[in-house]
Amino acid sequence: MVAKGFIGTRMHRELLGMGIDVSLSSVYRYIKGIREEEKIKDKVTTRVETAPGRQMQYDWKEWNLSVGGQKVKVYIHELILSYSRKKYYTFSLSITCQDVIRALVRGIEYFGGVAPELVIDNAKQMVITHNNNGVIRYNEEFLKFCGLYGIDLRPCGNYRARTKGKVERPFYYIQEHLLRGLHVESLSEFEERIRGFTQEYNNRVHSTLKESSEERFSREKEHLRDIPSVEPRLLWNREQRKVTNDGYIWWKGRLYPVPMRYCVRDVMIEDVFGRLIRVYDVNGCLIAEHERDISGIKTRWLWQYK
């Protein structure tokens, strides 16, 4: 009757009709016990250890960071190799599909190779829809990246984030051992702190594996595939802008200077993690780079082609 979806009063009536003398409260207690068992079974997750160089897992975490005395929303990206648990962290000020791809590319470069399988969540930056019948529609931009890098996608089941448990648990560690209570004066300082934390974390002995990620990575790295050579224009979106007659371009409500010889000419702009912009000429040569000022008032000129 439980399998048929009968409600408690219906079950009680059916039982009485069978000559079984039972109270309604006893029926409800029995149903409650069955449902609790079902919940426990649903939560049970079998730990799966993958072969060296076989799988990566990716996710991000949102955090309000104190930068120069003000709160700034940042997105912490984590890519982890499932066998060695070697991790890569970076951050962005936005969370677009391009940001996710850039974080993955940097992580792969940090590892010095690519694993053929990637476990991900069902965020819209990667997965448009994931139906219960198993039909998945991917973000085309993200799917293109995976095709160029030869990566097979494995989205975790809906409401089953623990499927990617190897990347879920380390977020708690970075949250409690770095992010909580952290105050930095600039985003550059935060980048340095993340870099140092990553190195320290990868050298820490894993509580379950009884060895560090770096030790296991020494056995895994030879199993990773070579990083494919991909034309940057196939990965990164660049928007066309025309330089004003006094040497500036508009980008997201701000003015950014470029070399005067590009006045009234077209240039291409690339947004990097929402943290800085790169300006290219029409031939693809980098001519300027600017860091976004988090106050939204001004920008800092990092570099300009002379």
C-alpha atoms as a PDB file:
ATOM      1  CA  MET A   1       0.000   0.000   0.000  1.00  0.00           C
ATOM      2  CA  VAL A   2       2.935   2.322   0.660  1.00  0.00           C
ATOM      3  CA  ALA A   3       4.285   1.536  -2.804  1.00  0.00           C
ATOM      4  CA  LYS A   4       0.905   2.422  -4.291  1.00  0.00           C
ATOM      5  CA  GLY A   5       0.950   5.784  -2.521  1.00  0.00           C
ATOM      6  CA  PHE A   6      -2.058   5.169  -0.275  1.00  0.00           C
ATOM      7  CA  ILE A   7      -2.587   7.775   2.439  1.00  0.00           C
ATOM      8  CA  GLY A   8      -2.669   6.713   6.119  1.00  0.00           C
ATOM      9  CA  THR A   9      -6.447   6.715   6.535  1.00  0.00           C
ATOM     10  CA  ARG A  10      -6.844   4.596   3.378  1.00  0.00           C
ATOM     11  CA  MET A  11      -4.304   2.086   4.688  1.00  0.00           C
ATOM     12  CA  HIS A  12      -6.071   1.989   8.029  1.00  0.00           C
ATOM     13  CA  ARG A  13      -9.423   1.302   6.367  1.00  0.00           C
ATOM     14  CA  GLU A  14      -7.926  -1.431   4.153  1.00  0.00           C
ATOM     15  CA  LEU A  15      -6.310  -3.151   7.145  1.00  0.00           C
ATOM     16  CA  LEU A  16      -9.529  -3.096   9.134  1.00  0.00           C
ATOM     17  CA  GLY A  17     -11.277  -4.632   6.125  1.00  0.00           C
ATOM     18  CA  MET A  18      -8.748  -7.480   6.237  1.00  0.00           C
ATOM     19  CA  GLY A  19      -9.688  -8.144   9.841  1.00  0.00           C
ATOM     20  CA  ILE A  20      -6.472  -6.630  11.242  1.00  0.00           C
ATOM     21  CA  ASP A  21      -7.238  -4.703  14.435  1.00  0.00           C
ATOM     22  CA  VAL A  22      -4.783  -1.782  14.368  1.00  0.00           C
ATOM     23  CA  SER A  23      -5.038   1.847  15.451  1.00  0.00           C
ATOM     24  CA  LEU A  24      -4.604   4.748  13.034  1.00  0.00           C
ATOM     25  CA  SER A  25      -1.680   6.079  15.103  1.00  0.00           C
ATOM     26  CA  SER A  26       0.117   2.719  14.698  1.00  0.00           C
ATOM     27  CA  VAL A  27      -0.300   2.969  10.926  1.00  0.00           C
ATOM     28  CA  TYR A  28       1.186   6.464  10.913  1.00  0.00           C
ATOM     29  CA  ARG A  29       4.138   5.358  13.078  1.00  0.00           C
ATOM     30  CA  TYR A  30       4.838   2.529  10.657  1.00  0.00           C
ATOM     31  CA  ILE A  31       4.690   4.861   7.629  1.00  0.00           C
ATOM     32  CA  LYS A  32       7.005   7.328   9.364  1.00  0.00           C
ATOM     33  CA  GLY A  33       9.545   4.560  10.003  1.00  0.00           C
ATOM     34  CA  ILE A  34       9.528   3.499   6.355  1.00  0.00           C
ATOM     35  CA  ARG A  35      10.030   7.081   5.143  1.00  0.00           C
ATOM     36  CA  GLU A  36      12.919   7.655   7.542  1.00  0.00           C
ATOM     37  CA  GLU A  37      14.626   4.517   6.232  1.00  0.00           C
ATOM     38  CA  GLU A  38      14.160   5.761   2.679  1.00  0.00           C
ATOM     39  CA  LYS A  39      15.762   9.093   3.579  1.00  0.00           C
ATOM     40  CA  ILE A  40      18.753   7.320   5.127  1.00  0.00           C
ATOM     41  CA  LYS A  41      19.213   5.132   2.036  1.00  0.00           C
ATOM     42  CA  ASP A  42      19.056   8.223  -0.191  1.00  0.00           C
ATOM     43  CA  LYS A  43      21.843   9.873   1.802  1.00  0.00           C
ATOM     44  CA  VAL A  44      24.159   6.879   1.657  1.00  0.00           C
ATOM     45  CA  THR A  45      27.021   7.603  -0.757  1.00  0.00           C
ATOM     46  CA  THR A  46      29.653   5.080  -1.755  1.00  0.00           C
ATOM     47  CA  ARG A  47      33.158   6.539  -1.899  1.00  0.00           C
ATOM     48  CA  VAL A  48      34.640   5.967  -5.341  1.00  0.00           C
ATOM     49  CA  GLU A  49      38.371   6.253  -5.941  1.00  0.00           C
ATOM     50  CA  THR A  50      39.307   6.972  -9.545  1.00  0.00           C
ATOM     51  CA  ALA A  51      42.447   5.900 -11.351  1.00  0.00           C
ATOM     52  CA  PRO A  52      45.387   8.341 -11.634  1.00  0.00           C
ATOM     53  CA  GLY A  53      44.909  11.012 -14.302  1.00  0.00           C
ATOM     54  CA  ARG A  54      41.327   9.970 -14.987  1.00  0.00           C
ATOM     55  CA  GLN A  55      39.089  12.612 -13.417  1.00  0.00           C
ATOM     56  CA  MET A  56      38.884  16.259 -12.343  1.00  0.00           C
ATOM     57  CA  GLN A  57      36.142  17.917 -10.285  1.00  0.00           C
ATOM     58  CA  TYR A  58      35.197  21.603 -10.405  1.00  0.00           C
ATOM     59  CA  ASP A  59      33.024  23.983  -8.408  1.00  0.00           C
ATOM     60  CA  TRP A  60      32.959  27.547  -7.105  1.00  0.00           C
ATOM     61  CA  LYS A  61      31.980  29.271  -3.859  1.00  0.00           C
ATOM     62  CA  GLU A  62      30.652  32.782  -3.329  1.00  0.00           C
ATOM     63  CA  TRP A  63      32.208  34.836  -0.523  1.00  0.00           C
ATOM     64  CA  ASN A  64      32.015  38.417   0.777  1.00  0.00           C
ATOM     65  CA  LEU A  65      35.643  39.492   1.186  1.00  0.00           C
ATOM     66  CA  SER A  66      36.898  42.539   3.087  1.00  0.00           C
ATOM     67  CA  VAL A  67      39.090  44.493   0.657  1.00  0.00           C
ATOM     68  CA  GLY A  68      40.461  47.870   1.695  1.00  0.00           C
ATOM     69  CA  GLY A  69      37.740  48.257   4.292  1.00  0.00           C
ATOM     70  CA  GLN A  70      34.786  47.411   2.052  1.00  0.00           C
ATOM     71  CA  LYS A  71      32.910  44.186   1.309  1.00  0.00           C
ATOM     72  CA  VAL A  72      33.480  42.756  -2.153  1.00  0.00           C
ATOM     73  CA  LYS A  73      31.692  39.706  -3.525  1.00  0.00           C
ATOM     74  CA  VAL A  74      34.224  37.272  -4.943  1.00  0.00           C
ATOM     75  CA  TYR A  75      33.820  33.820  -6.488  1.00  0.00           C
ATOM     76  CA  ILE A  76      36.403  31.235  -5.438  1.00  0.00           C
ATOM     77  CA  HIS A  77      37.054  28.649  -8.160  1.00  0.00           C
ATOM     78  CA  GLU A  78      38.424  25.217  -7.289  1.00  0.00           C
ATOM     79  CA  LEU A  79      39.660  22.490  -9.618  1.00  0.00           C
ATOM     80  CA  ILE A  80      40.826  19.227  -8.059  1.00  0.00           C
ATOM     81  CA  LEU A  81      42.336  16.023  -9.418  1.00  0.00           C
ATOM     82  CA  SER A  82      40.254  13.175  -8.007  1.00  0.00           C
ATOM     83  CA  TYR A  83      43.120  10.721  -7.479  1.00  0.00           C
ATOM     84  CA  SER A  84      45.802  12.905  -5.903  1.00  0.00           C
ATOM     85  CA  ARG A  85      43.449  15.587  -4.509  1.00  0.00           C
ATOM     86  CA  LYS A  86      45.844  18.204  -5.846  1.00  0.00           C
ATOM     87  CA  LYS A  87      43.926  21.484  -5.926  1.00  0.00           C
ATOM     88  CA  TYR A  88      44.028  24.755  -7.819  1.00  0.00           C
ATOM     89  CA  TYR A  89      42.318  27.931  -6.591  1.00  0.00           C
ATOM     90  CA  THR A  90      41.673  31.278  -8.233  1.00  0.00           C
ATOM     91  CA  PHE A  91      38.957  33.915  -7.963  1.00  0.00           C
ATOM     92  CA  SER A  92      36.815  36.229 -10.049  1.00  0.00           C
ATOM     93  CA  LEU A  93      34.524  39.199  -9.493  1.00  0.00           C
ATOM     94  CA  SER A  94      31.932  37.815 -11.890  1.00  0.00           C
ATOM     95  CA  ILE A  95      30.674  34.309 -12.599  1.00  0.00           C
ATOM     96  CA  THR A  96      30.098  33.948 -16.325  1.00  0.00           C
ATOM     97  CA  CYS A  97      30.732  30.932 -18.522  1.00  0.00           C
ATOM     98  CA  GLN A  98      33.961  32.635 -19.628  1.00  0.00           C
ATOM     99  CA  ASP A  99      35.058  32.929 -15.986  1.00  0.00           C
ATOM    100  CA  VAL A 100      34.465  29.208 -15.440  1.00  0.00           C
ATOM    101  CA  ILE A 101      36.380  28.286 -18.594  1.00  0.00           C
ATOM    102  CA  ARG A 102      39.289  30.570 -17.682  1.00  0.00           C
ATOM    103  CA  ALA A 103      39.500  29.043 -14.193  1.00  0.00           C
ATOM    104  CA  LEU A 104      39.568  25.539 -15.708  1.00  0.00           C
ATOM    105  CA  VAL A 105      42.231  26.486 -18.255  1.00  0.00           C
ATOM    106  CA  ARG A 106      44.440  27.999 -15.551  1.00  0.00           C
ATOM    107  CA  GLY A 107      43.934  24.956 -13.344  1.00  0.00           C
ATOM    108  CA  ILE A 108      44.876  22.592 -16.159  1.00  0.00           C
ATOM    109  CA  GLU A 109      48.009  24.656 -16.831  1.00  0.00           C
ATOM    110  CA  TYR A 110      48.831  24.534 -13.119  1.00  0.00           C
ATOM    111  CA  PHE A 111      48.605  20.720 -13.166  1.00  0.00           C
ATOM    112  CA  GLY A 112      50.608  20.550 -16.385  1.00  0.00           C
ATOM    113  CA  GLY A 113      48.093  18.200 -17.993  1.00  0.00           C
ATOM    114  CA  VAL A 114      44.406  17.458 -18.413  1.00  0.00           C
ATOM    115  CA  ALA A 115      42.234  14.597 -17.150  1.00  0.00           C
ATOM    116  CA  PRO A 116      39.667  13.309 -19.688  1.00  0.00           C
ATOM    117  CA  GLU A 117      36.661  13.433 -17.322  1.00  0.00           C
ATOM    118  CA  LEU A 118      35.230  16.461 -15.512  1.00  0.00           C
ATOM    119  CA  VAL A 119      32.614  16.256 -12.749  1.00  0.00           C
ATOM    120  CA  ILE A 120      30.584  19.464 -12.479  1.00  0.00           C
ATOM    121  CA  ASP A 121      27.461  20.888 -10.887  1.00  0.00           C
ATOM    122  CA  ASN A 122      24.359  21.857 -12.885  1.00  0.00           C
ATOM    123  CA  ALA A 123      24.954  25.626 -12.857  1.00  0.00           C
ATOM    124  CA  LYS A 124      23.646  27.488 -15.913  1.00  0.00           C
ATOM    125  CA  GLN A 125      27.192  28.530 -16.865  1.00  0.00           C
ATOM    126  CA  MET A 126      27.760  24.877 -17.773  1.00  0.00           C
ATOM    127  CA  VAL A 127      24.420  23.040 -17.908  1.00  0.00           C
ATOM    128  CA  ILE A 128      21.247  24.584 -19.329  1.00  0.00           C
ATOM    129  CA  THR A 129      18.926  21.746 -18.329  1.00  0.00           C
ATOM    130  CA  HIS A 130      19.390  18.367 -16.647  1.00  0.00           C
ATOM    131  CA  ASN A 131      16.142  16.418 -16.719  1.00  0.00           C
ATOM    132  CA  ASN A 132      15.385  13.560 -14.352  1.00  0.00           C
ATOM    133  CA  ASN A 133      15.215  11.215 -17.362  1.00  0.00           C
ATOM    134  CA  GLY A 134      18.922  11.825 -17.971  1.00  0.00           C
ATOM    135  CA  VAL A 135      18.596  14.224 -20.904  1.00  0.00           C
ATOM    136  CA  ILE A 136      21.188  16.999 -20.528  1.00  0.00           C
ATOM    137  CA  ARG A 137      21.503  20.214 -22.516  1.00  0.00           C
ATOM    138  CA  TYR A 138      24.861  21.937 -22.084  1.00  0.00           C
ATOM    139  CA  ASN A 139      25.878  25.560 -22.443  1.00  0.00           C
ATOM    140  CA  GLU A 140      27.206  25.638 -26.020  1.00  0.00           C
ATOM    141  CA  GLU A 141      30.170  27.858 -25.137  1.00  0.00           C
ATOM    142  CA  PHE A 142      31.210  25.504 -22.352  1.00  0.00           C
ATOM    143  CA  LEU A 143      30.666  22.440 -24.517  1.00  0.00           C
ATOM    144  CA  LYS A 144      32.926  23.965 -27.187  1.00  0.00           C
ATOM    145  CA  PHE A 145      35.711  24.389 -24.623  1.00  0.00           C
ATOM    146  CA  CYS A 146      35.376  20.751 -23.512  1.00  0.00           C
ATOM    147  CA  GLY A 147      35.511  19.615 -27.129  1.00  0.00           C
ATOM    148  CA  LEU A 148      38.704  21.590 -27.765  1.00  0.00           C
ATOM    149  CA  TYR A 149      40.325  20.077 -24.662  1.00  0.00           C
ATOM    150  CA  GLY A 150      38.983  16.548 -25.193  1.00  0.00           C
ATOM    151  CA  ILE A 151      37.050  16.510 -21.917  1.00  0.00           C
ATOM    152  CA  ASP A 152      34.012  14.312 -21.228  1.00  0.00           C
ATOM    153  CA  LEU A 153      31.476  15.951 -18.926  1.00  0.00           C
ATOM    154  CA  ARG A 154      29.828  14.243 -15.994  1.00  0.00           C
ATOM    155  CA  PRO A 155      27.260  16.507 -14.296  1.00  0.00           C
ATOM    156  CA  CYS A 156      26.228  15.376 -10.833  1.00  0.00           C
ATOM    157  CA  GLY A 157      22.615  14.346 -10.346  1.00  0.00           C
ATOM    158  CA  ASN A 158      20.046  16.982  -9.458  1.00  0.00           C
ATOM    159  CA  TYR A 159      20.221  17.798  -5.736  1.00  0.00           C
ATOM    160  CA  ARG A 160      23.130  15.351  -5.399  1.00  0.00           C
ATOM    161  CA  ALA A 161      26.044  17.764  -4.866  1.00  0.00           C
ATOM    162  CA  ARG A 162      27.884  15.103  -2.845  1.00  0.00           C
ATOM    163  CA  THR A 163      28.495  13.281  -6.142  1.00  0.00           C
ATOM    164  CA  LYS A 164      31.404  15.706  -6.483  1.00  0.00           C
ATOM    165  CA  GLY A 165      32.405  15.294  -2.850  1.00  0.00           C
ATOM    166  CA  LYS A 166      36.134  15.570  -3.492  1.00  0.00           C
ATOM    167  CA  VAL A 167      35.673  19.196  -4.487  1.00  0.00           C
ATOM    168  CA  GLU A 168      32.891  19.966  -1.986  1.00  0.00           C
ATOM    169  CA  ARG A 169      34.787  19.148   1.202  1.00  0.00           C
ATOM    170  CA  PRO A 170      37.920  21.248   0.511  1.00  0.00           C
ATOM    171  CA  PHE A 171      35.714  24.350   0.259  1.00  0.00           C
ATOM    172  CA  TYR A 172      35.001  24.038   3.964  1.00  0.00           C
ATOM    173  CA  TYR A 173      38.745  23.950   4.621  1.00  0.00           C
ATOM    174  CA  ILE A 174      39.536  27.087   2.600  1.00  0.00           C
ATOM    175  CA  GLN A 175      36.537  28.824   4.141  1.00  0.00           C
ATOM    176  CA  GLU A 176      37.626  28.144   7.725  1.00  0.00           C
ATOM    177  CA  HIS A 177      41.412  28.322   7.295  1.00  0.00           C
ATOM    178  CA  LEU A 178      41.704  31.298   4.934  1.00  0.00           C
ATOM    179  CA  LEU A 179      38.515  33.186   4.076  1.00  0.00           C
ATOM    180  CA  ARG A 180      36.798  33.600   7.422  1.00  0.00           C
ATOM    181  CA  GLY A 181      37.937  36.835   9.088  1.00  0.00           C
ATOM    182  CA  LEU A 182      40.363  37.649   6.257  1.00  0.00           C
ATOM    183  CA  HIS A 183      41.067  41.340   5.508  1.00  0.00           C
ATOM    184  CA  VAL A 184      43.243  42.393   2.577  1.00  0.00           C
ATOM    185  CA  GLU A 185      44.155  45.810   1.193  1.00  0.00           C
ATOM    186  CA  SER A 186      43.896  44.856  -2.473  1.00  0.00           C
ATOM    187  CA  LEU A 187      42.830  42.099  -4.821  1.00  0.00           C
ATOM    188  CA  SER A 188      46.493  41.568  -5.682  1.00  0.00           C
ATOM    189  CA  GLU A 189      47.187  40.786  -2.033  1.00  0.00           C
ATOM    190  CA  PHE A 190      44.276  38.334  -1.998  1.00  0.00           C
ATOM    191  CA  GLU A 191      45.684  36.630  -5.092  1.00  0.00           C
ATOM    192  CA  GLU A 192      49.006  36.160  -3.295  1.00  0.00           C
ATOM    193  CA  ARG A 193      47.242  34.775  -0.227  1.00  0.00           C
ATOM    194  CA  ILE A 194      45.345  32.234  -2.344  1.00  0.00           C
ATOM    195  CA  ARG A 195      48.548  31.203  -4.104  1.00  0.00           C
ATOM    196  CA  GLY A 196      50.308  30.579  -0.796  1.00  0.00           C
ATOM    197  CA  PHE A 197      47.299  28.764   0.661  1.00  0.00           C
ATOM    198  CA  THR A 198      47.096  26.462  -2.383  1.00  0.00           C
ATOM    199  CA  GLN A 199      50.729  25.441  -2.050  1.00  0.00           C
ATOM    200  CA  GLU A 200      50.381  24.828   1.680  1.00  0.00           C
ATOM    201  CA  TYR A 201      47.154  22.856   1.285  1.00  0.00           C
ATOM    202  CA  ASN A 202      48.605  20.611  -1.423  1.00  0.00           C
ATOM    203  CA  ASN A 203      51.521  19.758   0.870  1.00  0.00           C
ATOM    204  CA  ARG A 204      49.270  18.951   3.835  1.00  0.00           C
ATOM    205  CA  VAL A 205      48.848  15.249   4.688  1.00  0.00           C
ATOM    206  CA  HIS A 206      45.345  14.099   3.715  1.00  0.00           C
ATOM    207  CA  SER A 207      43.466  12.714   6.729  1.00  0.00           C
ATOM    208  CA  THR A 208      42.049   9.742   4.796  1.00  0.00           C
ATOM    209  CA  LEU A 209      44.821   8.998   2.310  1.00  0.00           C
ATOM    210  CA  LYS A 210      47.631   9.477   4.895  1.00  0.00           C
ATOM    211  CA  GLU A 211      49.854  11.276   2.387  1.00  0.00           C
ATOM    212  CA  SER A 212      49.940  14.717   0.806  1.00  0.00           C
ATOM    213  CA  SER A 213      48.375  15.657  -2.507  1.00  0.00           C
ATOM    214  CA  GLU A 214      51.828  16.463  -3.884  1.00  0.00           C
ATOM    215  CA  GLU A 215      53.067  12.967  -3.020  1.00  0.00           C
ATOM    216  CA  ARG A 216      50.149  11.356  -4.829  1.00  0.00           C
ATOM    217  CA  PHE A 217      50.459  13.814  -7.716  1.00  0.00           C
ATOM    218  CA  SER A 218      54.024  12.633  -8.329  1.00  0.00           C
ATOM    219  CA  ARG A 219      52.451   9.292  -9.333  1.00  0.00           C
ATOM    220  CA  GLU A 220      49.503  10.836 -11.161  1.00  0.00           C
ATOM    221  CA  LYS A 221      51.100  13.490 -13.374  1.00  0.00           C
ATOM    222  CA  GLU A 222      52.470  10.988 -15.917  1.00  0.00           C
ATOM    223  CA  HIS A 223      48.905   9.734 -16.511  1.00  0.00           C
ATOM    224  CA  LEU A 224      47.508  13.157 -17.429  1.00  0.00           C
ATOM    225  CA  ARG A 225      46.992  13.961 -21.086  1.00  0.00           C
ATOM    226  CA  ASP A 226      49.069  16.645 -22.755  1.00  0.00           C
ATOM    227  CA  ILE A 227      47.442  20.059 -22.840  1.00  0.00           C
ATOM    228  CA  PRO A 228      46.164  20.675 -26.384  1.00  0.00           C
ATOM    229  CA  SER A 229      47.284  23.742 -28.292  1.00  0.00           C
ATOM    230  CA  VAL A 230      44.189  25.920 -28.712  1.00  0.00           C
ATOM    231  CA  GLU A 231      43.977  29.230 -30.535  1.00  0.00           C
ATOM    232  CA  PRO A 232      43.018  31.834 -27.856  1.00  0.00           C
ATOM    233  CA  ARG A 233      40.426  33.424 -30.147  1.00  0.00           C
ATOM    234  CA  LEU A 234      38.485  30.144 -30.038  1.00  0.00           C
ATOM    235  CA  LEU A 235      38.186  30.401 -26.256  1.00  0.00           C
ATOM    236  CA  TRP A 236      37.960  34.034 -25.233  1.00  0.00           C
ATOM    237  CA  ASN A 237      35.228  36.444 -26.248  1.00  0.00           C
ATOM    238  CA  ARG A 238      36.398  39.887 -27.359  1.00  0.00           C
ATOM    239  CA  GLU A 239      34.111  42.830 -27.953  1.00  0.00           C
ATOM    240  CA  GLN A 240      34.816  45.553 -30.469  1.00  0.00           C
ATOM    241  CA  ARG A 241      35.064  49.169 -29.335  1.00  0.00           C
ATOM    242  CA  LYS A 242      36.054  52.408 -31.059  1.00  0.00           C
ATOM    243  CA  VAL A 243      38.667  54.597 -29.372  1.00  0.00           C
ATOM    244  CA  THR A 244      37.638  58.205 -28.780  1.00  0.00           C
ATOM    245  CA  ASN A 245      39.572  61.055 -30.369  1.00  0.00           C
ATOM    246  CA  ASP A 246      41.292  61.727 -27.007  1.00  0.00           C
ATOM    247  CA  GLY A 247      42.478  58.120 -26.501  1.00  0.00           C
ATOM    248  CA  TYR A 248      39.805  56.420 -24.373  1.00  0.00           C
ATOM    249  CA  ILE A 249      37.405  53.508 -24.698  1.00  0.00           C
ATOM    250  CA  TRP A 250      34.123  52.901 -22.877  1.00  0.00           C
ATOM    251  CA  TRP A 251      33.656  49.630 -21.019  1.00  0.00           C
ATOM    252  CA  LYS A 252      30.814  48.938 -18.606  1.00  0.00           C
ATOM    253  CA  GLY A 253      30.268  52.609 -17.804  1.00  0.00           C
ATOM    254  CA  ARG A 254      33.947  53.518 -17.318  1.00  0.00           C
ATOM    255  CA  LEU A 255      36.606  55.174 -19.446  1.00  0.00           C
ATOM    256  CA  TYR A 256      39.906  53.375 -20.034  1.00  0.00           C
ATOM    257  CA  PRO A 257      42.930  54.992 -21.723  1.00  0.00           C
ATOM    258  CA  VAL A 258      44.781  53.410 -24.646  1.00  0.00           C
ATOM    259  CA  PRO A 259      47.824  54.594 -26.619  1.00  0.00           C
ATOM    260  CA  MET A 260      47.014  57.779 -28.556  1.00  0.00           C
ATOM    261  CA  ARG A 261      48.010  56.258 -31.891  1.00  0.00           C
ATOM    262  CA  TYR A 262      44.799  54.182 -31.703  1.00  0.00           C
ATOM    263  CA  CYS A 263      42.497  57.234 -31.550  1.00  0.00           C
ATOM    264  CA  VAL A 264      39.276  56.803 -33.600  1.00  0.00           C
ATOM    265  CA  ARG A 265      40.365  53.244 -34.456  1.00  0.00           C
ATOM    266  CA  ASP A 266      38.673  49.974 -33.578  1.00  0.00           C
ATOM    267  CA  VAL A 267      40.092  47.808 -30.775  1.00  0.00           C
ATOM    268  CA  MET A 268      39.007  44.560 -29.117  1.00  0.00           C
ATOM    269  CA  ILE A 269      38.342  44.209 -25.373  1.00  0.00           C
ATOM    270  CA  GLU A 270      38.647  41.013 -23.318  1.00  0.00           C
ATOM    271  CA  ASP A 271      37.188  40.802 -19.806  1.00  0.00           C
ATOM    272  CA  VAL A 272      39.344  38.673 -17.464  1.00  0.00           C
ATOM    273  CA  PHE A 273      37.507  37.359 -14.392  1.00  0.00           C
ATOM    274  CA  GLY A 274      35.712  40.685 -14.050  1.00  0.00           C
ATOM    275  CA  ARG A 275      38.980  41.860 -12.449  1.00  0.00           C
ATOM    276  CA  LEU A 276      40.792  43.412 -15.388  1.00  0.00           C
ATOM    277  CA  ILE A 277      40.399  44.107 -19.081  1.00  0.00           C
ATOM    278  CA  ARG A 278      42.859  43.548 -21.906  1.00  0.00           C
ATOM    279  CA  VAL A 279      42.793  45.711 -24.996  1.00  0.00           C
ATOM    280  CA  TYR A 280      43.972  44.346 -28.356  1.00  0.00           C
ATOM    281  CA  ASP A 281      44.385  45.918 -31.755  1.00  0.00           C
ATOM    282  CA  VAL A 282      42.512  44.432 -34.713  1.00  0.00           C
ATOM    283  CA  ASN A 283      45.461  42.112 -35.398  1.00  0.00           C
ATOM    284  CA  GLY A 284      45.215  40.575 -31.932  1.00  0.00           C
ATOM    285  CA  CYS A 285      48.239  42.306 -30.389  1.00  0.00           C
ATOM    286  CA  LEU A 286      47.881  43.313 -26.734  1.00  0.00           C
ATOM    287  CA  ILE A 287      48.135  47.106 -26.425  1.00  0.00           C
ATOM    288  CA  ALA A 288      46.890  47.821 -22.888  1.00  0.00           C
ATOM    289  CA  GLU A 289      45.716  46.143 -19.691  1.00  0.00           C
ATOM    290  CA  HIS A 290      43.697  47.709 -16.885  1.00  0.00           C
ATOM    291  CA  GLU A 291      42.707  46.492 -13.439  1.00  0.00           C
ATOM    292  CA  ARG A 292      39.192  47.361 -12.344  1.00  0.00           C
ATOM    293  CA  ASP A 293      39.051  49.508  -9.249  1.00  0.00           C
ATOM    294  CA  ILE A 294      36.599  47.858  -6.852  1.00  0.00           C
ATOM    295  CA  SER A 295      35.307  51.235  -5.719  1.00  0.00           C
ATOM    296  CA  GLY A 296      33.892  51.703  -9.219  1.00  0.00           C
ATOM    297  CA  ILE A 297      35.321  55.229  -9.354  1.00  0.00           C
ATOM    298  CA  LYS A 298      38.559  54.794 -11.239  1.00  0.00           C
ATOM    299  CA  THR A 299      40.798  52.201 -12.844  1.00  0.00           C
ATOM    300  CA  ARG A 300      44.488  51.483 -12.456  1.00  0.00           C
ATOM    301  CA  TRP A 301      46.575  51.406 -15.624  1.00  0.00           C
ATOM    302  CA  LEU A 302      48.669  48.251 -15.320  1.00  0.00           C
ATOM    303  CA  TRP A 303      50.421  48.135 -18.634  1.00  0.00           C
ATOM    304  CA  GLN A 304      50.482  49.855 -22.008  1.00  0.00           C
ATOM    305  CA  TYR A 305      52.221  49.033 -25.239  1.00  0.00           C
ATOM    306  CA  LYS A 306      54.843  51.700 -26.042  1.00  0.00           C
END
